[in-house]
Protein backbone atom coordinates (compact mmCIF):
# COMPACT_ATOMS: atom_id res chain seq x y z
CA UNK A 1 -16.50 3.26 16.91
CA UNK A 2 -18.06 0.86 14.54
CA UNK A 3 -16.87 -2.69 15.01
CA UNK A 4 -14.82 -4.29 12.52
CA UNK A 5 -15.49 -6.98 10.45
CA UNK A 6 -14.25 -10.53 10.31
CA UNK A 7 -12.10 -9.76 7.40
CA UNK A 8 -10.76 -6.85 9.16
CA UNK A 9 -9.97 -8.39 11.93
CA UNK A 10 -8.42 -10.99 10.64
CA UNK A 11 -5.99 -8.45 8.69
CA UNK A 12 -5.18 -6.84 11.74
CA UNK A 13 -4.44 -10.28 13.29
CA UNK A 14 -2.26 -10.80 10.13
CA UNK A 15 -0.16 -7.87 10.22
CA UNK A 16 0.10 -7.73 13.99
CA UNK A 17 1.61 -11.54 13.36
CA UNK A 18 3.86 -10.20 11.23
CA UNK A 19 4.92 -7.94 14.05
CA UNK A 20 4.81 -10.40 16.51
CA UNK A 21 6.96 -13.12 14.56
CA UNK A 22 9.11 -11.24 13.24
CA UNK A 23 10.87 -10.22 16.78
CA UNK A 24 9.94 -13.28 18.42
CA UNK A 25 10.06 -15.83 15.43
CA UNK A 26 7.71 -18.75 15.22
CA UNK A 27 8.41 -20.70 18.23
CA UNK A 28 9.31 -17.88 20.28
CA UNK A 29 6.18 -16.15 19.55
CA UNK A 30 2.28 -16.75 21.19
CA UNK A 31 -1.04 -16.54 20.34
CA UNK A 32 -1.57 -14.87 23.16
CA UNK A 33 1.09 -12.30 22.45
CA UNK A 34 -0.66 -11.53 18.89
CA UNK A 35 -4.67 -11.67 20.14
CA UNK A 36 -3.49 -8.71 23.05
CA UNK A 37 -1.58 -6.94 19.87
CA UNK A 38 -4.75 -7.03 18.21
CA UNK A 39 -7.50 -6.85 20.93
CA UNK A 40 -9.05 -9.88 21.13
CA UNK A 41 -9.03 -13.05 23.01
CA UNK A 42 -7.64 -17.05 22.05
CA UNK A 43 -10.57 -18.22 21.52
CA UNK A 44 -11.82 -15.74 18.76
CA UNK A 45 -8.49 -15.96 17.43
CA UNK A 46 -8.28 -19.33 16.94
CA UNK A 47 -12.04 -18.67 15.00
CA UNK A 48 -9.87 -16.65 12.15
CA UNK A 49 -7.70 -19.24 12.23
CA UNK A 50 -7.35 -22.44 12.49
CA UNK A 51 -3.99 -22.36 14.59
CA UNK A 52 -0.95 -20.74 15.17
CA UNK A 53 0.83 -22.56 11.49
CA UNK A 54 -2.30 -21.20 10.19
CA UNK A 55 -1.58 -17.41 11.43
CA UNK A 56 2.49 -17.81 10.81
CA UNK A 57 1.47 -18.67 6.99
CA UNK A 58 -0.78 -15.88 6.48
CA UNK A 59 1.57 -13.02 8.38
CA UNK A 60 4.72 -15.09 5.51
CA UNK A 61 1.95 -14.71 2.76
CA UNK A 62 1.19 -11.13 3.69
CA UNK A 63 5.19 -10.06 3.67
CA UNK A 64 5.45 -11.80 -0.04
CA UNK A 65 2.60 -9.86 -1.34
CA UNK A 66 3.40 -6.34 0.51
CA UNK A 67 7.12 -6.91 -1.31
CA UNK A 68 5.82 -7.99 -4.91
CA UNK A 69 3.79 -5.12 -4.52
CA UNK A 70 6.45 -2.37 -4.03
CA UNK A 71 8.60 -4.22 -6.57
CA UNK A 72 5.65 -4.23 -9.17
CA UNK A 73 5.28 -0.21 -8.03
CA UNK A 74 8.66 0.87 -8.01
CA UNK A 75 9.89 -1.19 -11.49
CA UNK A 76 5.88 0.09 -13.66
CA UNK A 77 7.03 1.32 -17.13
CA UNK A 78 11.27 0.22 -16.36
CA UNK A 79 13.71 -2.90 -17.04
CA UNK A 80 17.03 -3.97 -16.32
CA UNK A 81 19.23 -1.21 -14.53
CA UNK A 82 16.42 1.10 -14.36
CA UNK A 83 13.62 -1.18 -13.07
CA UNK A 84 17.28 -2.66 -10.54
CA UNK A 85 17.80 0.89 -9.27
CA UNK A 86 14.15 1.22 -8.57
CA UNK A 87 13.62 -1.71 -6.96
CA UNK A 88 16.41 -1.38 -4.96
CA UNK A 89 15.55 1.94 -3.75
CA UNK A 90 12.05 1.37 -2.93
CA UNK A 91 12.87 -1.70 -1.10
CA UNK A 92 15.51 -0.09 1.13
CA UNK A 93 13.13 2.30 1.79
CA UNK A 94 10.97 -0.13 3.17
CA UNK A 95 12.61 -1.84 5.55
CA UNK A 96 14.02 1.40 6.88
CA UNK A 97 10.67 2.39 7.16
CA UNK A 98 9.21 -1.28 8.34
CA UNK A 99 12.16 -3.08 9.65
CA UNK A 100 9.40 -5.53 11.34
CA UNK A 101 9.23 -6.70 7.36
CA UNK A 102 12.58 -7.49 6.87
CA UNK A 103 12.66 -9.46 10.74
CA UNK A 104 9.71 -11.31 9.10
CA UNK A 105 11.26 -12.80 6.34
CA UNK A 106 14.47 -13.49 8.01
CA UNK A 107 12.43 -15.22 10.55
CA UNK A 108 10.29 -16.95 7.46
CA UNK A 109 13.98 -18.37 6.59
CA UNK A 110 14.42 -19.77 9.87
CA UNK A 111 11.36 -21.47 10.33
CA UNK A 112 10.99 -23.62 7.09
CA UNK A 113 14.55 -24.64 8.08
CA UNK A 114 13.43 -26.00 11.97
CA UNK A 115 10.53 -27.41 10.15
CA UNK A 116 12.28 -29.04 7.32
CA UNK A 117 14.83 -30.92 9.91
CA UNK A 118 11.55 -32.01 11.50
CA UNK A 119 10.29 -33.73 8.88
CA UNK A 120 7.21 -31.22 7.61
CA UNK A 121 8.25 -30.44 3.99
CA UNK A 122 4.41 -28.91 4.00
CA UNK A 123 5.14 -25.91 5.90
CA UNK A 124 8.47 -24.47 3.29
CA UNK A 125 6.18 -25.65 0.28
CA UNK A 126 3.99 -22.68 1.18
CA UNK A 127 6.76 -20.90 1.75
CA UNK A 128 8.38 -21.43 -1.60
CA UNK A 129 5.88 -21.15 -3.15
CA UNK A 130 5.36 -17.86 -2.13
CA UNK A 131 8.62 -16.73 -2.27
CA UNK A 132 8.34 -18.11 -5.96
CA UNK A 133 5.97 -15.67 -7.04
CA UNK A 134 8.71 -13.08 -5.28
CA UNK A 135 11.49 -14.54 -7.58
CA UNK A 136 9.04 -14.49 -10.87
CA UNK A 137 7.57 -10.65 -10.15
CA UNK A 138 11.28 -9.19 -10.38
CA UNK A 139 12.50 -11.76 -13.11
CA UNK A 140 9.55 -9.94 -15.34
CA UNK A 141 11.59 -6.72 -15.31
CA UNK A 142 14.99 -7.88 -14.29
CA UNK A 143 15.39 -11.10 -16.40
CA UNK A 144 16.90 -13.62 -15.32
CA UNK A 145 19.82 -12.59 -14.65
CA UNK A 146 19.52 -9.51 -13.15
CA UNK A 147 16.91 -11.15 -10.94
CA UNK A 148 20.29 -13.00 -9.70
CA UNK A 149 21.60 -10.55 -8.50
CA UNK A 150 19.21 -8.36 -7.67
CA UNK A 151 18.03 -10.75 -4.90
CA UNK A 152 21.55 -12.13 -3.68
CA UNK A 153 22.46 -8.77 -3.00
CA UNK A 154 19.39 -8.16 -1.45
CA UNK A 155 20.05 -10.87 0.99
CA UNK A 156 23.51 -9.94 1.80
CA UNK A 157 22.26 -6.47 2.69
CA UNK A 158 19.23 -8.34 5.05
CA UNK A 159 22.14 -10.20 7.08
CA UNK A 160 24.57 -6.89 7.32
CA UNK A 161 21.33 -4.83 8.45
CA UNK A 162 20.33 -8.04 10.78
CA UNK A 163 23.39 -8.26 12.00
CA UNK A 164 23.70 -4.36 13.27
CA UNK A 165 26.92 -4.29 11.07
CA UNK A 166 28.08 0.01 12.02
CA UNK A 167 28.41 2.13 8.47
CA UNK A 168 32.17 2.05 7.70
CA UNK A 169 32.59 -1.42 8.62
CA UNK A 170 34.17 -3.08 5.53
CA UNK A 171 31.64 -5.35 4.91
CA UNK A 172 29.55 -2.71 2.97
CA UNK A 173 32.55 -2.20 1.02
CA UNK A 174 31.45 -1.95 -2.76
CA UNK A 175 27.90 -2.06 -1.93
CA UNK A 176 26.36 0.65 -3.44
CA UNK A 177 23.69 0.84 -0.03
CA UNK A 178 23.21 3.85 2.55
CA UNK A 179 22.89 0.80 5.80
CA UNK A 180 21.37 3.82 7.74
CA UNK A 181 18.97 3.58 5.03
CA UNK A 182 18.14 0.41 6.25
CA UNK A 183 17.43 -1.61 8.80
CA UNK A 184 16.00 -2.80 12.50
CA UNK A 185 18.90 -1.72 14.26
CA UNK A 186 20.10 1.19 12.07
CA UNK A 187 23.94 0.66 12.01
CA UNK A 188 25.78 3.69 13.91
CA UNK A 189 29.06 4.85 12.96
């Protein structure tokens, strides 16, 4: 089996970090767990990244990049309501097929809040810059009002899925979504 290049290994670390950080959060995930998932030593991991923070920020950036790419592909050639529905459908499918993406998003928000509480604004700035790229990517096909509505609706769905609200629970009333198609806990009736 051919050896991976440093760039391929770096990519595998970012993917593994998304899984590990999504499950355990920034503070609850060790670099050792990430290294083990990839099959490298911690010293090698730190040759690829200067530290845990850099790994987390690379994973957060990849999570945002993947989401932007997914939305752009879904909305290609569409505008308004058609784009909104296409992007919503793509997102629901993505969090059903890759629940770690949703969990990584949630962990990003928590990590920023914790860092800011400790006085570390730089960490939050890096994650917010990615989130603003996402906002802008959604804004192109939906406009300002559509973007606000889409992002608010999506965040509500994220919260309900992450909390594991079961199908048929009153919190799902009025949402145009099938919670069975959305998420890490796959809520059951």
